[in-house]
Amino acid sequence: MIKLVATDMDGTFLDGRGNFDVSRLGAVLDKFDKAGIVFAVASGRSLLALEKMFQDFSERLVFIAENGNVVKLGNDVVFEASFTAPQYTEIAQILLESPYMNGYDFLLSGENGAYVHEKADSSYVEFISQYYENVQSVPDFSGLTDKIFKVTANFTEETVRQGESWVNQALPYVQAVTTGFKSIDIILRVVNKRTGLEQLCLQYNLDQTEVLAFGDNLNDYEMLDFAGVAIVPENARDEIKAISDKVIGSHEEEAVIAYMEGLVD
C-alpha cells in the first residue's frame, strides 16, 4: 500500500501557467489524511517559493525543496545541505567561463532569498523571479551571508545539455542536471530528490515500496528510480519515461491530481 506520494512541480503537478487546482488538492489531502498517506512536494524551487505556493496547506504536507537540499516537516527542517562560500563563488566563475553561458543568466538560491549579479539581463531577472522569492541583485557573490543551497542557470534548448556537461566536468563536487528545456540546477553531487525521499522514509519508518513518485525531467530521475511506483506525464522526457511504471496524461490536463484522486477513491 502506498504511504508516501511525492510529486515534482513544474511540468508535472503544475499546469503550463504554473498553477494547480486548490479545491481538488484540498479534497485529496482530506482523503490522504484518512488513509494515512503523506503528501510531499518535491521540487527544484526554493523552500520560500514552495511555502508561498502551498500556504493554504503548509501543515498538511511536507517539502523536499532545492532538488533535495532542504527537507521540511511541519516547522522542522530535518535535512539540509548547502555550498560553502568558496564553492558557490567558484561555480559562478565557471559559469561565466562556459562557452554555452549567456552572460549572467544564473541565480544563487539561498535560505532567505535568491541572488543575481547586478550585470544580469533584466529579462532574465524578470523570468527567474517567477520561480524564486526575494530575488536580490548584488555586485558580487563573495559578500553573501545567506546559506546557498543551489545555483540555477539558463542556456538555450540547443545548448542546455552541453552546458550541463561542461559544469559536471569542471567541478567534481557538483551535479548539474537539466530541470527544464533550457535550464539546469547545480547542487552538491551527493544530494538529489532521492535524498529527500530517503529522509522522509526514515522519518515515517517507510519502505521505498510504499512510495509513489511523479516527475517529468532529469532532476527527477533518482527520485523516480527510488520510488516503488514511478508515474510520469506524457510530456516527460524520454529518459524519464524509460524508467517509469506508467505514463499518464499531460500536466496541462492535470493528470497528476487526477491520478492522486484515483488512489483514494
Protein backbone atom coordinates (compact mmCIF):
# COMPACT_ATOMS: atom_id res chain seq x y z
CA MET A 1 0.00 0.00 0.00
CA ILE A 2 1.25 3.49 -0.86
CA LYS A 3 2.02 5.59 2.23
CA LEU A 4 4.01 8.45 0.68
CA VAL A 5 3.19 10.33 -2.53
CA ALA A 6 5.81 12.76 -3.82
CA THR A 7 5.47 14.93 -6.87
CA ASP A 8 7.63 17.28 -8.87
CA MET A 9 6.06 20.65 -9.61
CA ASP A 10 6.90 22.27 -12.96
CA GLY A 11 5.89 20.12 -15.90
CA THR A 12 4.30 17.56 -13.59
CA PHE A 13 1.86 18.74 -10.91
CA LEU A 14 1.53 22.33 -12.12
CA ASP A 15 -0.09 23.26 -15.41
CA GLY A 16 1.68 25.29 -18.10
CA ARG A 17 0.87 28.52 -16.25
CA GLY A 18 2.38 27.25 -13.02
CA ASN A 19 -0.98 26.73 -11.29
CA PHE A 20 -2.88 23.93 -9.60
CA ASP A 21 -6.49 23.41 -8.53
CA VAL A 22 -6.60 24.38 -4.85
CA SER A 23 -10.00 22.82 -4.16
CA ARG A 24 -9.06 19.49 -5.76
CA LEU A 25 -5.85 19.29 -3.76
CA GLY A 26 -7.72 20.07 -0.55
CA ALA A 27 -10.18 17.26 -1.21
CA VAL A 28 -7.34 14.83 -2.00
CA LEU A 29 -5.49 15.75 1.18
CA ASP A 30 -8.65 15.10 3.21
CA LYS A 31 -8.70 11.58 1.81
CA PHE A 32 -4.94 11.15 2.20
CA ASP A 33 -5.23 12.10 5.87
CA LYS A 34 -7.86 9.44 6.45
CA ALA A 35 -5.83 6.84 4.56
CA GLY A 36 -2.59 7.71 6.36
CA ILE A 37 -0.82 8.87 3.19
CA VAL A 38 1.83 11.60 3.38
CA PHE A 39 1.95 14.12 0.51
CA ALA A 40 5.35 15.57 -0.39
CA VAL A 41 6.09 18.46 -2.71
CA ALA A 42 9.44 17.64 -4.36
CA SER A 43 10.82 20.50 -6.43
CA GLY A 44 13.88 22.35 -7.58
CA ARG A 45 12.16 25.52 -6.39
CA SER A 46 13.24 27.16 -3.15
CA LEU A 47 11.55 26.42 0.16
CA LEU A 48 10.41 30.05 0.35
CA ALA A 49 8.67 29.77 -3.02
CA LEU A 50 7.05 26.43 -2.22
CA GLU A 51 5.78 27.58 1.17
CA LYS A 52 4.17 30.58 -0.50
CA MET A 53 2.64 28.41 -3.23
CA PHE A 54 1.17 25.96 -0.71
CA GLN A 55 0.46 28.39 2.11
CA ASP A 56 -3.09 27.05 2.49
CA PHE A 57 -1.76 23.52 3.06
CA SER A 58 1.59 24.05 4.82
CA GLU A 59 0.60 22.00 7.86
CA ARG A 60 -0.75 19.14 5.76
CA LEU A 61 2.22 18.30 3.55
CA VAL A 62 5.99 18.05 3.61
CA PHE A 63 8.57 19.79 1.44
CA ILE A 64 11.54 18.49 -0.50
CA ALA A 65 12.95 21.76 -1.82
CA GLU A 66 16.02 22.78 -3.82
CA ASN A 67 16.18 19.36 -5.52
CA GLY A 68 16.62 17.58 -2.20
CA ASN A 69 18.87 20.05 -0.41
CA VAL A 70 16.16 21.03 2.09
CA VAL A 71 13.58 18.71 3.67
CA LYS A 72 10.97 20.23 5.98
CA LEU A 73 8.27 18.53 8.05
CA GLY A 74 5.91 20.93 9.77
CA ASN A 75 8.05 23.58 11.44
CA ASP A 76 11.20 21.46 11.42
CA VAL A 77 13.92 21.29 8.80
CA VAL A 78 15.09 17.67 9.13
CA PHE A 79 17.77 17.81 6.45
CA GLU A 80 19.73 20.45 4.58
CA ALA A 81 22.90 20.61 2.51
CA SER A 82 24.49 23.85 1.33
CA PHE A 83 27.54 25.07 -0.55
CA THR A 84 30.46 26.76 1.13
CA ALA A 85 31.23 30.32 0.04
CA PRO A 86 34.32 29.24 -1.94
CA GLN A 87 32.23 26.62 -3.71
CA TYR A 88 29.41 28.88 -4.89
CA THR A 89 31.79 31.64 -5.93
CA GLU A 90 33.76 29.07 -7.95
CA ILE A 91 30.55 27.83 -9.57
CA ALA A 92 29.67 31.38 -10.59
CA GLN A 93 33.11 31.84 -12.13
CA ILE A 94 32.89 28.54 -14.02
CA LEU A 95 29.52 29.56 -15.47
CA LEU A 96 30.97 32.86 -16.66
CA GLU A 97 33.78 30.95 -18.38
CA SER A 98 31.43 28.49 -20.08
CA PRO A 99 31.13 28.91 -23.87
CA TYR A 100 27.45 27.98 -23.53
CA MET A 101 26.55 30.60 -20.93
CA ASN A 102 24.79 33.81 -21.94
CA GLY A 103 26.26 36.48 -19.68
CA TYR A 104 24.95 36.38 -16.12
CA ASP A 105 21.87 34.22 -16.70
CA PHE A 106 22.19 32.38 -13.40
CA LEU A 107 20.93 32.68 -9.82
CA LEU A 108 22.07 31.54 -6.37
CA SER A 109 19.21 30.18 -4.27
CA GLY A 110 19.50 30.63 -0.52
CA GLU A 111 17.63 30.18 2.73
CA ASN A 112 16.43 33.78 2.97
CA GLY A 113 16.36 34.82 -0.67
CA ALA A 114 17.83 34.43 -4.13
CA TYR A 115 20.69 36.35 -5.66
CA VAL A 116 21.56 37.50 -9.18
CA HIS A 117 24.51 39.57 -10.31
CA GLU A 118 23.79 43.24 -10.93
CA LYS A 119 25.00 42.70 -14.51
CA ALA A 120 22.27 40.09 -15.13
CA ASP A 121 19.97 40.94 -18.01
CA SER A 122 16.67 42.42 -16.84
CA SER A 123 14.69 39.91 -18.90
CA TYR A 124 16.40 37.04 -17.10
CA VAL A 125 15.71 38.62 -13.70
CA GLU A 126 12.05 39.05 -14.64
CA PHE A 127 11.85 35.43 -15.81
CA ILE A 128 13.58 33.85 -12.82
CA SER A 129 11.59 35.94 -10.34
CA GLN A 130 8.54 33.86 -11.29
CA TYR A 131 10.15 30.89 -9.56
CA TYR A 132 12.08 32.41 -6.64
CA GLU A 133 11.17 34.70 -3.75
CA ASN A 134 13.07 37.78 -2.59
CA VAL A 135 15.34 37.99 -5.64
CA GLN A 136 18.14 40.49 -4.98
CA SER A 137 20.79 42.00 -7.27
CA VAL A 138 24.30 42.08 -5.81
CA PRO A 139 27.64 43.46 -7.13
CA ASP A 140 29.36 40.14 -6.42
CA PHE A 141 28.63 36.90 -4.57
CA SER A 142 31.57 36.88 -2.18
CA GLY A 143 29.79 39.04 0.39
CA LEU A 144 26.70 36.88 0.82
CA THR A 145 25.87 35.80 4.36
CA ASP A 146 22.96 33.53 3.42
CA LYS A 147 23.13 29.73 3.13
CA ILE A 148 23.28 28.88 -0.58
CA PHE A 149 21.66 25.56 -1.47
CA LYS A 150 21.70 25.65 -5.24
CA VAL A 151 22.74 27.53 -8.35
CA THR A 152 20.38 27.57 -11.33
CA ALA A 153 21.42 28.64 -14.83
CA ASN A 154 19.75 29.21 -18.19
CA PHE A 155 21.14 28.21 -21.56
CA THR A 156 19.18 27.53 -24.75
CA GLU A 157 17.27 24.37 -25.62
CA GLU A 158 20.04 23.53 -28.09
CA THR A 159 22.94 24.00 -25.63
CA VAL A 160 21.47 23.04 -22.26
CA ARG A 161 22.89 19.51 -22.25
CA GLN A 162 26.30 20.81 -23.32
CA GLY A 163 26.18 23.40 -20.56
CA GLU A 164 25.24 20.70 -18.08
CA SER A 165 28.18 18.53 -19.19
CA TRP A 166 30.58 21.49 -19.06
CA VAL A 167 29.78 22.16 -15.40
CA ASN A 168 29.97 18.49 -14.39
CA GLN A 169 33.39 18.12 -15.99
CA ALA A 170 34.73 21.34 -14.48
CA LEU A 171 33.53 20.80 -10.90
CA PRO A 172 33.77 17.28 -9.43
CA TYR A 173 31.86 18.15 -6.25
CA VAL A 174 28.65 19.22 -8.03
CA GLN A 175 25.91 17.59 -10.04
CA ALA A 176 24.40 19.74 -12.77
CA VAL A 177 21.10 18.39 -14.04
CA THR A 178 18.58 19.55 -16.61
CA THR A 179 15.36 20.78 -14.97
CA GLY A 180 13.59 22.32 -17.94
CA PHE A 181 14.18 22.52 -21.64
CA LYS A 182 16.78 25.28 -21.27
CA SER A 183 17.78 25.33 -17.61
CA ILE A 184 20.00 23.39 -15.23
CA ASP A 185 20.26 23.18 -11.46
CA ILE A 186 23.68 22.80 -9.85
CA ILE A 187 23.74 21.09 -6.46
CA LEU A 188 26.15 19.06 -4.38
CA ARG A 189 26.89 15.77 -6.14
CA VAL A 190 25.80 13.68 -3.14
CA VAL A 191 22.32 15.24 -2.99
CA ASN A 192 19.18 14.90 -5.17
CA LYS A 193 15.45 14.38 -4.76
CA ARG A 194 16.07 10.75 -3.81
CA THR A 195 17.92 12.09 -0.76
CA GLY A 196 14.71 13.82 0.26
CA LEU A 197 12.65 10.66 -0.14
CA GLU A 198 15.18 8.67 1.86
CA GLN A 199 14.94 11.21 4.68
CA LEU A 200 11.15 11.00 4.68
CA CYS A 201 11.23 7.21 4.72
CA LEU A 202 13.44 7.41 7.81
CA GLN A 203 11.14 9.94 9.47
CA TYR A 204 7.98 7.91 8.82
CA ASN A 205 9.55 4.43 9.01
CA LEU A 206 8.55 3.58 5.45
CA ASP A 207 9.97 1.19 2.89
CA GLN A 208 10.64 2.50 -0.61
CA THR A 209 8.00 0.10 -1.93
CA GLU A 210 5.44 2.28 -0.11
CA VAL A 211 6.50 5.37 -2.08
CA LEU A 212 4.85 6.66 -5.26
CA ALA A 213 6.55 9.49 -7.15
CA PHE A 214 5.65 11.70 -10.11
CA GLY A 215 8.20 13.52 -12.26
CA ASP A 216 8.99 14.64 -15.79
CA ASN A 217 12.61 15.74 -16.06
CA LEU A 218 16.18 14.65 -15.43
CA ASN A 219 16.30 16.14 -11.94
CA ASP A 220 13.53 13.65 -11.06
CA TYR A 221 15.46 10.61 -12.25
CA GLU A 222 16.88 9.44 -8.91
CA MET A 223 13.58 10.05 -7.11
CA LEU A 224 11.62 8.02 -9.64
CA ASP A 225 14.23 5.27 -9.66
CA PHE A 226 13.99 5.03 -5.85
CA ALA A 227 10.19 5.02 -5.59
CA GLY A 228 8.30 1.74 -5.53
CA VAL A 229 5.95 3.20 -8.15
CA ALA A 230 7.07 5.81 -10.71
CA ILE A 231 4.39 7.68 -12.69
CA VAL A 232 5.19 10.28 -15.35
CA PRO A 233 3.11 12.63 -17.52
CA GLU A 234 3.13 12.21 -21.29
CA ASN A 235 5.16 15.42 -21.63
CA ALA A 236 8.07 13.84 -19.69
CA ARG A 237 11.50 13.39 -21.28
CA ASP A 238 12.07 10.05 -22.96
CA GLU A 239 14.78 9.14 -20.44
CA ILE A 240 12.23 9.56 -17.65
CA LYS A 241 9.52 7.61 -19.43
CA ALA A 242 12.01 4.76 -19.81
CA ILE A 243 12.22 4.19 -16.04
CA SER A 244 8.54 4.77 -15.28
CA ASP A 245 5.90 2.24 -14.37
CA LYS A 246 3.16 4.17 -16.12
CA VAL A 247 2.74 7.18 -18.42
CA ILE A 248 -0.39 9.23 -17.81
CA GLY A 249 -1.84 12.36 -19.42
CA SER A 250 -0.15 15.73 -19.75
CA HIS A 251 0.48 18.17 -16.92
CA GLU A 252 -1.76 20.56 -18.88
CA GLU A 253 -4.63 18.13 -18.28
CA GLU A 254 -3.97 17.97 -14.50
CA ALA A 255 -3.24 14.28 -14.92
CA VAL A 256 -1.29 14.01 -11.67
CA ILE A 257 -4.05 15.30 -9.41
CA ALA A 258 -6.49 13.03 -11.26
CA TYR A 259 -4.23 10.04 -10.58
CA MET A 260 -3.97 11.02 -6.92
CA GLU A 261 -7.76 11.18 -6.71
CA GLY A 262 -7.89 7.64 -8.08
CA LEU A 263 -5.59 6.38 -5.34
CA VAL A 264 -8.15 7.12 -2.63
CA ASP A 265 -11.49 6.73 -4.42
